[in-house]
Amino acid sequence: MGLWTLLEGCLLLANAMAIINEERFLSSRGLSFQEYSGVKRNSFKGQILGLIYATQYLRVPLILLNLLFVVVKLVSG
């Protein structure tokens, strides 16, 4: 496993977090952003929830990064 494969795996994980729907998936499991404000934000669940929201707000750079990976894969074979 090389560095490129590791970066591809991280990109796939970021893509998965970016498409999670709050109303259909997170709030039904008690993980809405309003419930984890204040002190609970420093917990592990709060940190993961913050990471999910960060990836959802950074969708445009994520799309550009996906395009870069696709072009490199096409060129390198």
Protein backbone atom coordinates (compact mmCIF):
# COMPACT_ATOMS: atom_id res chain seq x y z
CA MET A 1 0.00 0.00 0.00
CA GLY A 2 1.49 3.26 -1.08
CA LEU A 3 0.93 6.86 -0.21
CA TRP A 4 -1.31 7.36 -3.26
CA THR A 5 -3.60 4.52 -2.17
CA LEU A 6 -3.81 5.99 1.33
CA LEU A 7 -4.75 9.40 -0.11
CA GLU A 8 -7.41 7.78 -2.28
CA GLY A 9 -8.87 6.06 0.77
CA CYS A 10 -9.00 9.35 2.68
CA LEU A 11 -10.69 11.00 -0.28
CA LEU A 12 -13.31 8.25 -0.44
CA LEU A 13 -13.95 8.64 3.30
CA ALA A 14 -14.35 12.41 2.88
CA ASN A 15 -16.79 11.81 0.02
CA ALA A 16 -18.81 9.46 2.22
CA MET A 17 -19.01 12.04 5.02
CA ALA A 18 -19.96 14.81 2.60
CA ILE A 19 -23.10 13.06 1.35
CA ILE A 20 -24.55 12.10 4.75
CA ASN A 21 -27.98 13.68 5.10
CA GLU A 22 -28.68 15.20 8.52
CA GLU A 23 -32.47 14.83 8.48
CA ARG A 24 -32.53 11.24 7.25
CA PHE A 25 -29.45 9.76 8.89
CA LEU A 26 -27.99 11.84 11.70
CA SER A 27 -31.06 13.17 13.51
CA SER A 28 -32.76 9.76 13.55
CA ARG A 29 -29.76 8.47 15.52
CA GLY A 30 -29.63 11.45 17.89
CA LEU A 31 -26.63 13.09 16.24
CA SER A 32 -27.96 16.45 15.14
CA PHE A 33 -25.67 19.48 15.38
CA GLN A 34 -28.01 21.32 17.77
CA GLU A 35 -27.73 18.54 20.37
CA TYR A 36 -23.94 18.71 20.39
CA SER A 37 -23.34 22.35 21.12
CA GLY A 38 -21.39 23.75 24.04
CA VAL A 39 -19.62 21.29 26.31
CA LYS A 40 -20.61 18.19 24.35
CA ARG A 41 -18.74 19.51 21.32
CA ASN A 42 -15.44 18.42 22.90
CA SER A 43 -16.54 14.79 23.18
CA PHE A 44 -15.57 12.19 20.60
CA LYS A 45 -19.05 12.17 19.05
CA GLY A 46 -19.03 15.95 18.91
CA GLN A 47 -15.67 15.98 17.16
CA ILE A 48 -16.82 13.41 14.58
CA LEU A 49 -20.02 15.39 14.01
CA GLY A 50 -17.95 18.55 13.50
CA LEU A 51 -15.82 16.71 10.95
CA ILE A 52 -18.94 15.60 9.08
CA TYR A 53 -20.25 19.16 8.94
CA ALA A 54 -16.85 20.49 7.84
CA THR A 55 -16.77 18.09 4.90
CA GLN A 56 -20.32 19.05 3.96
CA TYR A 57 -19.38 22.75 3.85
CA LEU A 58 -16.24 22.08 1.82
CA ARG A 59 -17.95 20.30 -1.05
CA VAL A 60 -16.53 22.52 -3.82
CA PRO A 61 -12.87 21.86 -2.91
CA LEU A 62 -13.78 18.20 -2.50
CA ILE A 63 -15.20 18.13 -6.03
CA LEU A 64 -12.01 19.72 -7.38
CA LEU A 65 -9.89 17.19 -5.49
CA ASN A 66 -11.98 14.37 -6.96
CA LEU A 67 -11.42 15.77 -10.44
CA LEU A 68 -7.68 15.93 -9.81
CA PHE A 69 -7.62 12.29 -8.69
CA VAL A 70 -9.62 11.18 -11.73
CA VAL A 71 -7.31 13.02 -14.13
CA VAL A 72 -4.20 11.57 -12.50
CA LYS A 73 -5.71 8.07 -12.66
CA LEU A 74 -6.57 8.54 -16.34
CA VAL A 75 -3.09 9.78 -17.18
CA SER A 76 -1.18 7.20 -15.15
CA GLY A 77 -3.32 4.25 -16.14
